[in-house]
Amino acid sequence: MLSGNFVSSDNFIEFRNVSFAYGERPILKNLNLAIPRGKLVAVMGGSGSGKTTLLRLISGQNRPQSGEVLVDGKSVAKMSSAELYQHRRRMGMLFQFGALFTDLSVFDNVAFPIREHTKLPDSMIRDLVTMKLEAVGLRGTQQLMPAELSGGMARRVALARAIALDPQLMLYDEPFTGLDPISLGVIAHLIKKLNNALGTTAVMVTHDVHKSLEIVDHVLFVAGGEIVAQGTPDQVRNSDSPWVHQFIWGEADGPVHYAYPAERSLAEDLGLNGGPHA
């Protein structure tokens, strides 16, 4: 276990003994974590380890079976519909692959959350959209449609939409997926730059270890429904944990097994060696 100095009296997000399952399949088991205000934190782990479930619990899409999820001191599970709406109004989300509205122009995509959550006049909305697109280097693309954008451009438009209301909380779900190395570097730089400029608390689920370690303040590794390791980027790079080493370097052999655990042997399933089908 990494021993990063990650205790703060001003935590923006806290998970207290949180457990969650899909049906009978447990995902999180008495999980505890704390994310200080204004920090950019990466959550890493294998597929199915519960990373995206963490984001769903923070946003209120899912509710824990036990334990408590606190955001800015308030229990998300206890929020009324009106409170949950206000909670999400303060939150920006960058989805995997961007998730732009394909039938709306770049301008209307970025303007969408502003129109949804405010009653600002059209002239102010136009100025805000222009500023957000300028922040991601895409001023002048307002009238283009998503189909006319490259993958990297589309992701930047999605980022502009996510920060349209200057959110206090940003959630990133695999923001680097499918990008070429240059576009990936641009998006990573923008995430860090905008997070610092806005003072936003951010949680980023990602598999891109090396690029993420260049921009985040802290890393949490999830496995088996628990936080198995954590630390600063330097601590992670220098960790002697076999689990962390295997994940960072993508090694096939290690504590994380490739094969899904089966209740019976292959021979039994094939009816061999005196198995039930022999």
Protein backbone atom coordinates (compact mmCIF):
# COMPACT_ATOMS: atom_id res chain seq x y z
CA MET A 1 0.00 0.00 0.00
CA LEU A 2 1.30 3.41 -0.92
CA SER A 3 1.41 5.88 1.93
CA GLY A 4 0.64 9.22 0.29
CA ASN A 5 -0.09 12.21 2.52
CA PHE A 6 -3.71 12.49 1.44
CA VAL A 7 -5.53 13.59 4.60
CA SER A 8 -7.34 16.94 4.42
CA SER A 9 -9.76 18.79 6.67
CA ASP A 10 -11.50 20.09 3.55
CA ASN A 11 -12.46 17.02 1.55
CA PHE A 12 -14.85 17.74 -1.29
CA ILE A 13 -15.71 14.05 -1.84
CA GLU A 14 -15.82 11.28 0.78
CA PHE A 15 -16.82 7.63 0.57
CA ARG A 16 -17.52 6.16 4.01
CA ASN A 17 -17.76 2.36 4.14
CA VAL A 18 -19.54 2.29 0.78
CA SER A 19 -20.75 -1.02 -0.63
CA PHE A 20 -22.50 -1.46 -3.95
CA ALA A 21 -23.56 -4.44 -6.06
CA TYR A 22 -25.31 -5.06 -9.34
CA GLY A 23 -27.77 -7.77 -8.35
CA GLU A 24 -25.74 -10.43 -6.58
CA ARG A 25 -22.43 -9.28 -8.07
CA PRO A 26 -20.54 -7.12 -5.54
CA ILE A 27 -18.64 -4.18 -7.02
CA LEU A 28 -17.51 -2.06 -4.04
CA LYS A 29 -16.90 -3.45 -0.54
CA ASN A 30 -16.82 -1.08 2.45
CA LEU A 31 -14.80 1.38 0.39
CA ASN A 32 -13.34 4.49 2.02
CA LEU A 33 -11.72 7.39 0.18
CA ALA A 34 -11.31 11.14 0.45
CA ILE A 35 -10.64 13.68 -2.31
CA PRO A 36 -9.61 17.17 -1.19
CA ARG A 37 -11.15 20.26 -2.73
CA GLY A 38 -9.43 21.52 -5.89
CA LYS A 39 -7.41 18.35 -6.59
CA LEU A 40 -7.29 16.29 -9.78
CA VAL A 41 -7.39 12.61 -8.88
CA ALA A 42 -7.07 9.61 -11.19
CA VAL A 43 -8.90 6.37 -10.45
CA MET A 44 -7.28 3.34 -12.07
CA GLY A 45 -7.92 -0.36 -12.07
CA GLY A 46 -8.80 -3.27 -14.30
CA SER A 47 -12.02 -3.51 -16.29
CA GLY A 48 -14.98 -4.26 -14.03
CA SER A 49 -13.19 -3.07 -10.89
CA GLY A 50 -15.80 -0.42 -10.10
CA LYS A 51 -14.21 2.76 -11.46
CA THR A 52 -17.21 4.01 -13.43
CA THR A 53 -19.48 2.94 -10.58
CA LEU A 54 -17.60 5.45 -8.41
CA LEU A 55 -18.56 8.20 -10.85
CA ARG A 56 -22.18 7.05 -10.88
CA LEU A 57 -22.31 7.15 -7.09
CA ILE A 58 -20.80 10.65 -7.00
CA SER A 59 -23.32 11.94 -9.55
CA GLY A 60 -26.27 10.22 -7.87
CA GLN A 61 -27.08 7.88 -10.76
CA ASN A 62 -26.58 4.97 -8.36
CA ARG A 63 -27.04 4.80 -4.60
CA PRO A 64 -24.95 2.64 -2.29
CA GLN A 65 -26.48 -0.40 -0.60
CA SER A 66 -24.64 0.66 2.55
CA GLY A 67 -22.36 3.47 3.62
CA GLU A 68 -22.43 7.10 2.58
CA VAL A 69 -21.20 9.20 -0.35
CA LEU A 70 -20.63 12.84 0.59
CA VAL A 71 -20.04 15.65 -1.90
CA ASP A 72 -19.27 19.05 -0.40
CA GLY A 73 -20.48 17.74 2.94
CA LYS A 74 -23.88 16.54 1.66
CA SER A 75 -25.02 12.94 1.38
CA VAL A 76 -25.85 12.29 -2.28
CA ALA A 77 -28.22 9.40 -1.47
CA LYS A 78 -30.31 11.64 0.80
CA MET A 79 -30.75 14.44 -1.74
CA SER A 80 -34.26 15.22 -2.95
CA SER A 81 -34.93 15.43 -6.68
CA ALA A 82 -34.53 19.23 -6.54
CA GLU A 83 -31.27 18.95 -4.56
CA LEU A 84 -29.92 16.32 -6.96
CA TYR A 85 -30.72 18.62 -9.88
CA GLN A 86 -28.75 21.43 -8.23
CA HIS A 87 -25.92 19.01 -7.44
CA ARG A 88 -25.62 18.05 -11.09
CA ARG A 89 -25.84 21.68 -12.16
CA ARG A 90 -22.54 22.27 -10.33
CA MET A 91 -20.98 19.25 -12.02
CA GLY A 92 -19.38 18.81 -15.44
CA MET A 93 -18.95 15.45 -17.16
CA LEU A 94 -16.66 14.46 -20.01
CA PHE A 95 -17.93 11.16 -21.35
CA GLN A 96 -15.92 8.48 -23.07
CA PHE A 97 -15.77 9.42 -26.80
CA GLY A 98 -17.32 12.83 -25.99
CA ALA A 99 -21.01 11.93 -26.51
CA LEU A 100 -21.83 15.06 -28.52
CA PHE A 101 -25.38 15.53 -29.77
CA THR A 102 -24.95 14.53 -33.40
CA ASP A 103 -27.84 16.66 -34.72
CA LEU A 104 -26.67 19.85 -33.00
CA SER A 105 -23.93 22.19 -34.16
CA VAL A 106 -20.79 22.79 -32.11
CA PHE A 107 -22.34 26.03 -30.83
CA ASP A 108 -25.58 24.36 -29.76
CA ASN A 109 -23.73 21.49 -28.09
CA VAL A 110 -21.73 23.86 -25.89
CA ALA A 111 -24.75 26.10 -25.30
CA PHE A 112 -26.97 23.17 -24.27
CA PRO A 113 -26.15 23.10 -20.50
CA ILE A 114 -26.28 26.92 -20.33
CA ARG A 115 -29.77 26.95 -21.85
CA GLU A 116 -30.86 24.02 -19.69
CA HIS A 117 -29.74 25.48 -16.36
CA THR A 118 -29.95 29.26 -16.79
CA LYS A 119 -32.21 31.97 -18.23
CA LEU A 120 -29.39 34.03 -19.71
CA PRO A 121 -30.11 36.10 -22.83
CA ASP A 122 -28.93 34.81 -26.21
CA SER A 123 -26.23 37.48 -26.44
CA MET A 124 -24.62 36.33 -23.19
CA ILE A 125 -24.92 32.67 -24.17
CA ARG A 126 -23.14 33.49 -27.44
CA ASP A 127 -20.30 35.19 -25.56
CA LEU A 128 -19.97 32.32 -23.08
CA VAL A 129 -19.87 29.69 -25.81
CA THR A 130 -17.26 31.70 -27.69
CA MET A 131 -15.08 31.94 -24.56
CA LYS A 132 -15.36 28.21 -23.80
CA LEU A 133 -14.43 27.29 -27.36
CA GLU A 134 -11.52 29.73 -27.20
CA ALA A 135 -10.35 27.98 -24.01
CA VAL A 136 -10.05 24.68 -25.90
CA GLY A 137 -8.59 26.23 -29.04
CA LEU A 138 -11.68 25.85 -31.23
CA ARG A 139 -13.12 29.34 -31.61
CA GLY A 140 -14.43 29.55 -35.16
CA THR A 141 -15.94 26.05 -35.23
CA GLN A 142 -19.34 27.17 -33.92
CA GLN A 143 -21.31 26.26 -37.05
CA LEU A 144 -19.64 22.91 -37.71
CA MET A 145 -21.51 19.66 -37.04
CA PRO A 146 -19.99 16.83 -35.00
CA ALA A 147 -19.59 14.70 -38.14
CA GLU A 148 -17.27 17.38 -39.54
CA LEU A 149 -14.88 17.19 -36.57
CA SER A 150 -11.86 14.97 -36.03
CA GLY A 151 -11.84 12.76 -32.96
CA GLY A 152 -9.58 15.13 -31.06
CA MET A 153 -11.65 18.17 -32.00
CA ALA A 154 -14.87 16.44 -30.93
CA ARG A 155 -13.35 15.62 -27.56
CA ARG A 156 -12.33 19.25 -27.08
CA VAL A 157 -15.84 20.44 -27.94
CA ALA A 158 -17.17 17.98 -25.35
CA LEU A 159 -14.71 19.44 -22.84
CA ALA A 160 -15.92 22.97 -23.66
CA ARG A 161 -19.50 21.80 -23.04
CA ALA A 162 -18.49 20.16 -19.75
CA ILE A 163 -16.99 23.42 -18.40
CA ALA A 164 -19.73 25.67 -19.81
CA LEU A 165 -21.08 26.50 -16.33
CA ASP A 166 -17.68 26.65 -14.56
CA PRO A 167 -18.39 23.51 -12.51
CA GLN A 168 -17.10 22.94 -9.00
CA LEU A 169 -16.80 19.23 -9.74
CA MET A 170 -15.56 17.56 -12.93
CA LEU A 171 -15.93 13.87 -13.73
CA TYR A 172 -13.91 12.34 -16.57
CA ASP A 173 -14.80 8.84 -17.82
CA GLU A 174 -11.87 7.58 -19.92
CA PRO A 175 -11.21 10.98 -21.56
CA PHE A 176 -8.24 9.70 -23.63
CA THR A 177 -9.90 6.69 -25.27
CA GLY A 178 -9.45 6.47 -29.04
CA LEU A 179 -7.22 9.53 -29.41
CA ASP A 180 -3.99 9.71 -31.38
CA PRO A 181 -0.88 10.64 -29.35
CA ILE A 182 -1.00 14.34 -30.31
CA SER A 183 -4.72 14.74 -29.55
CA LEU A 184 -4.24 12.82 -26.32
CA GLY A 185 -1.46 15.17 -25.23
CA VAL A 186 -3.60 18.22 -26.10
CA ILE A 187 -6.60 16.94 -24.11
CA ALA A 188 -4.40 16.05 -21.12
CA HIS A 189 -2.83 19.52 -21.16
CA LEU A 190 -6.26 21.17 -21.38
CA ILE A 191 -7.67 19.11 -18.51
CA LYS A 192 -4.78 20.16 -16.26
CA LYS A 193 -4.85 23.79 -17.41
CA LEU A 194 -8.61 24.20 -17.02
CA ASN A 195 -8.69 22.40 -13.69
CA ASN A 196 -6.07 24.78 -12.30
CA ALA A 197 -7.80 27.84 -13.78
CA LEU A 198 -11.24 26.94 -12.43
CA GLY A 199 -10.08 25.50 -9.10
CA THR A 200 -12.25 22.48 -9.80
CA THR A 201 -12.23 19.21 -7.89
CA ALA A 202 -11.89 16.48 -10.52
CA VAL A 203 -12.10 12.69 -10.62
CA MET A 204 -10.73 11.00 -13.73
CA VAL A 205 -11.28 7.34 -14.52
CA THR A 206 -8.55 6.29 -16.92
CA HIS A 207 -6.46 3.42 -18.24
CA ASP A 208 -3.80 5.71 -19.70
CA VAL A 209 -1.30 5.39 -16.88
CA HIS A 210 1.71 7.31 -18.13
CA LYS A 211 -0.09 10.39 -19.50
CA SER A 212 -2.30 10.56 -16.41
CA LEU A 213 0.70 10.51 -14.09
CA GLU A 214 1.94 13.67 -15.81
CA ILE A 215 -1.13 15.75 -14.87
CA VAL A 216 -2.88 14.38 -11.75
CA ASP A 217 -2.23 15.24 -8.11
CA HIS A 218 -3.02 11.79 -6.75
CA VAL A 219 -3.81 8.26 -7.93
CA LEU A 220 -6.21 5.69 -6.48
CA PHE A 221 -6.02 2.05 -7.59
CA VAL A 222 -9.21 0.00 -7.30
CA ALA A 223 -9.30 -3.82 -7.29
CA GLY A 224 -11.67 -6.31 -5.76
CA GLY A 225 -14.01 -3.51 -4.72
CA GLU A 226 -11.39 -1.81 -2.54
CA ILE A 227 -8.65 0.82 -2.73
CA VAL A 228 -5.58 -1.42 -2.95
CA ALA A 229 -2.99 1.34 -3.43
CA GLN A 230 -2.75 5.09 -3.62
CA GLY A 231 -0.20 7.85 -3.78
CA THR A 232 1.24 10.79 -5.65
CA PRO A 233 2.50 10.19 -9.21
CA ASP A 234 6.10 9.94 -7.94
CA GLN A 235 5.11 7.43 -5.26
CA VAL A 236 3.25 5.36 -7.83
CA ARG A 237 6.20 5.33 -10.22
CA ASN A 238 8.54 4.20 -7.44
CA SER A 239 6.17 1.74 -5.82
CA ASP A 240 7.42 -1.77 -5.05
CA SER A 241 3.85 -3.10 -4.95
CA PRO A 242 3.54 -6.06 -7.38
CA TRP A 243 -0.04 -5.03 -8.16
CA VAL A 244 0.89 -1.43 -9.02
CA HIS A 245 3.95 -2.53 -11.01
CA GLN A 246 1.89 -4.99 -13.07
CA PHE A 247 -0.76 -2.39 -13.83
CA ILE A 248 1.64 0.42 -14.75
CA TRP A 249 3.74 -1.71 -17.07
CA GLY A 250 0.88 -3.82 -18.49
CA GLU A 251 2.44 -7.15 -17.57
CA ALA A 252 0.51 -10.36 -18.23
CA ASP A 253 1.85 -12.15 -15.15
CA GLY A 254 1.21 -10.84 -11.67
CA PRO A 255 -1.38 -10.62 -8.90
CA VAL A 256 -4.12 -9.65 -11.40
CA HIS A 257 -5.17 -12.81 -13.24
CA TYR A 258 -6.36 -12.87 -16.84
CA ALA A 259 -8.77 -15.81 -16.48
CA TYR A 260 -12.17 -15.38 -14.79
CA PRO A 261 -12.42 -17.70 -11.77
CA ALA A 262 -14.60 -20.72 -12.53
CA GLU A 263 -16.30 -22.95 -9.97
CA ARG A 264 -15.44 -26.14 -11.89
CA SER A 265 -12.36 -27.30 -13.75
CA LEU A 266 -12.18 -27.39 -17.55
CA ALA A 267 -12.07 -31.17 -17.41
CA GLU A 268 -15.36 -31.25 -15.52
CA ASP A 269 -17.02 -28.90 -17.98
CA LEU A 270 -15.87 -31.09 -20.89
CA GLY A 271 -16.87 -34.30 -19.13
CA LEU A 272 -13.33 -35.62 -18.95
CA ASN A 273 -11.43 -37.50 -16.23
CA GLY A 274 -14.52 -38.94 -14.67
CA GLY A 275 -16.38 -35.61 -14.70
CA PRO A 276 -20.18 -35.49 -14.51
CA HIS A 277 -20.57 -35.77 -18.31
CA ALA A 278 -18.19 -38.70 -18.75
